[in-house]
Amino acid sequence: MSLVSVAGAKKERTLLSVGVTSTLLGLAFSVGGASAISRSLTLAGLVVLILGLHRFGRSGPDAPHQRGRKQTAGRRKVRGPKPSDD
């Protein structure tokens, strides 16, 4: 995994966190009766959340983890009886 993708993933996670937080705050303010503030905060939070989800999805899959061994393509070798030399 390159340094660029790590920094990019951190930005997307930050966008997701800000979007969720502002959406929840907007919903909480709507219960309290502050309608103008709650509408703006909820709408802005949803827009930021959608933007963060889009960018996070476009960043692609994570690189596979390497644990000291060469990883195969998901298949294990099956050991069966050795063929006879008949």
C-alpha atoms as a PDB file:
ATOM      1  CA  MET A   1       0.000   0.000   0.000  1.00  0.00           C
ATOM      2  CA  SER A   2       1.475   3.306  -0.989  1.00  0.00           C
ATOM      3  CA  LEU A   3       1.705   6.394   1.144  1.00  0.00           C
ATOM      4  CA  VAL A   4      -0.633   8.246  -1.199  1.00  0.00           C
ATOM      5  CA  SER A   5      -3.472   5.751  -0.732  1.00  0.00           C
ATOM      6  CA  VAL A   6      -3.063   5.835   3.055  1.00  0.00           C
ATOM      7  CA  ALA A   7      -3.342   9.624   3.066  1.00  0.00           C
ATOM      8  CA  GLY A   8      -6.306   9.457   0.677  1.00  0.00           C
ATOM      9  CA  ALA A   9      -8.115   6.918   2.836  1.00  0.00           C
ATOM     10  CA  LYS A  10      -7.629   9.146   5.859  1.00  0.00           C
ATOM     11  CA  LYS A  11      -9.306  12.044   4.020  1.00  0.00           C
ATOM     12  CA  GLU A  12     -12.289   9.886   3.092  1.00  0.00           C
ATOM     13  CA  ARG A  13     -12.654   8.619   6.639  1.00  0.00           C
ATOM     14  CA  THR A  14     -12.547  12.198   7.881  1.00  0.00           C
ATOM     15  CA  LEU A  15     -15.273  13.173   5.405  1.00  0.00           C
ATOM     16  CA  LEU A  16     -17.403  10.247   6.567  1.00  0.00           C
ATOM     17  CA  SER A  17     -16.934  11.191  10.218  1.00  0.00           C
ATOM     18  CA  VAL A  18     -17.793  14.840   9.623  1.00  0.00           C
ATOM     19  CA  GLY A  19     -20.832  13.902   7.537  1.00  0.00           C
ATOM     20  CA  VAL A  20     -22.225  11.496  10.104  1.00  0.00           C
ATOM     21  CA  THR A  21     -21.568  13.859  12.998  1.00  0.00           C
ATOM     22  CA  SER A  22     -23.212  16.868  11.371  1.00  0.00           C
ATOM     23  CA  THR A  23     -26.187  14.794  10.218  1.00  0.00           C
ATOM     24  CA  LEU A  24     -26.746  13.484  13.733  1.00  0.00           C
ATOM     25  CA  LEU A  25     -26.353  16.975  15.214  1.00  0.00           C
ATOM     26  CA  GLY A  26     -28.883  18.307  12.707  1.00  0.00           C
ATOM     27  CA  LEU A  27     -31.352  15.606  13.702  1.00  0.00           C
ATOM     28  CA  ALA A  28     -30.762  16.345  17.381  1.00  0.00           C
ATOM     29  CA  PHE A  29     -31.367  20.067  16.834  1.00  0.00           C
ATOM     30  CA  SER A  30     -34.596  19.287  14.982  1.00  0.00           C
ATOM     31  CA  VAL A  31     -35.928  17.579  18.114  1.00  0.00           C
ATOM     32  CA  GLY A  32     -35.054  20.703  20.095  1.00  0.00           C
ATOM     33  CA  GLY A  33     -37.018  22.952  17.752  1.00  0.00           C
ATOM     34  CA  ALA A  34     -34.257  24.875  15.937  1.00  0.00           C
ATOM     35  CA  SER A  35     -35.646  24.233  12.472  1.00  0.00           C
ATOM     36  CA  ALA A  36     -33.491  26.519  10.286  1.00  0.00           C
ATOM     37  CA  ILE A  37     -30.239  25.364  11.843  1.00  0.00           C
ATOM     38  CA  SER A  38     -31.263  21.715  11.882  1.00  0.00           C
ATOM     39  CA  ARG A  39     -32.313  21.699   8.220  1.00  0.00           C
ATOM     40  CA  SER A  40     -29.063  23.292   7.087  1.00  0.00           C
ATOM     41  CA  LEU A  41     -26.891  21.090   9.270  1.00  0.00           C
ATOM     42  CA  THR A  42     -28.679  17.884   8.293  1.00  0.00           C
ATOM     43  CA  LEU A  43     -28.587  18.697   4.578  1.00  0.00           C
ATOM     44  CA  ALA A  44     -24.918  19.687   4.669  1.00  0.00           C
ATOM     45  CA  GLY A  45     -24.088  16.549   6.648  1.00  0.00           C
ATOM     46  CA  LEU A  46     -25.858  14.317   4.145  1.00  0.00           C
ATOM     47  CA  VAL A  47     -24.056  15.973   1.225  1.00  0.00           C
ATOM     48  CA  VAL A  48     -20.674  15.522   2.912  1.00  0.00           C
ATOM     49  CA  LEU A  49     -21.569  11.932   3.809  1.00  0.00           C
ATOM     50  CA  ILE A  50     -22.502  11.109   0.197  1.00  0.00           C
ATOM     51  CA  LEU A  51     -19.311  12.765  -1.044  1.00  0.00           C
ATOM     52  CA  GLY A  52     -17.222  10.786   1.465  1.00  0.00           C
ATOM     53  CA  LEU A  53     -18.897   7.495   0.524  1.00  0.00           C
ATOM     54  CA  HIS A  54     -18.337   8.197  -3.151  1.00  0.00           C
ATOM     55  CA  ARG A  55     -14.656   9.029  -2.687  1.00  0.00           C
ATOM     56  CA  PHE A  56     -14.127   6.072  -0.357  1.00  0.00           C
ATOM     57  CA  GLY A  57     -15.698   3.715  -2.886  1.00  0.00           C
ATOM     58  CA  ARG A  58     -13.630   5.157  -5.732  1.00  0.00           C
ATOM     59  CA  SER A  59     -10.382   4.670  -3.810  1.00  0.00           C
ATOM     60  CA  GLY A  60     -10.448   0.962  -4.717  1.00  0.00           C
ATOM     61  CA  PRO A  61      -9.784  -2.186  -2.745  1.00  0.00           C
ATOM     62  CA  ASP A  62      -7.096  -2.413  -0.112  1.00  0.00           C
ATOM     63  CA  ALA A  63      -3.843  -4.130  -0.942  1.00  0.00           C
ATOM     64  CA  PRO A  64      -3.640  -7.700   0.387  1.00  0.00           C
ATOM     65  CA  HIS A  65      -1.743  -8.132   3.618  1.00  0.00           C
ATOM     66  CA  GLN A  66       1.597  -9.919   3.409  1.00  0.00           C
ATOM     67  CA  ARG A  67       2.564 -11.982   6.453  1.00  0.00           C
ATOM     68  CA  GLY A  68       6.012 -13.160   5.531  1.00  0.00           C
ATOM     69  CA  ARG A  69       4.776 -15.924   3.248  1.00  0.00           C
ATOM     70  CA  LYS A  70       3.931 -15.763  -0.374  1.00  0.00           C
ATOM     71  CA  GLN A  71       0.164 -15.790  -0.592  1.00  0.00           C
ATOM     72  CA  THR A  72      -1.568 -17.884  -3.198  1.00  0.00           C
ATOM     73  CA  ALA A  73      -4.582 -16.819  -5.180  1.00  0.00           C
ATOM     74  CA  GLY A  74      -6.972 -18.221  -2.588  1.00  0.00           C
ATOM     75  CA  ARG A  75      -6.404 -21.904  -3.297  1.00  0.00           C
ATOM     76  CA  ARG A  76      -4.664 -24.393  -1.125  1.00  0.00           C
ATOM     77  CA  LYS A  77      -2.882 -27.383  -2.517  1.00  0.00           C
ATOM     78  CA  VAL A  78      -4.668 -30.614  -1.787  1.00  0.00           C
ATOM     79  CA  ARG A  79      -2.352 -33.440  -0.914  1.00  0.00           C
ATOM     80  CA  GLY A  80      -3.575 -36.743  -2.125  1.00  0.00           C
ATOM     81  CA  PRO A  81      -2.005 -40.125  -2.738  1.00  0.00           C
ATOM     82  CA  LYS A  82       1.102 -40.084  -4.843  1.00  0.00           C
ATOM     83  CA  PRO A  83       0.704 -41.570  -8.300  1.00  0.00           C
ATOM     84  CA  SER A  84       2.220 -45.021  -8.629  1.00  0.00           C
ATOM     85  CA  ASP A  85       4.938 -45.760 -11.160  1.00  0.00           C
ATOM     86  CA  ASP A  86       3.179 -48.843 -12.606  1.00  0.00           C
END
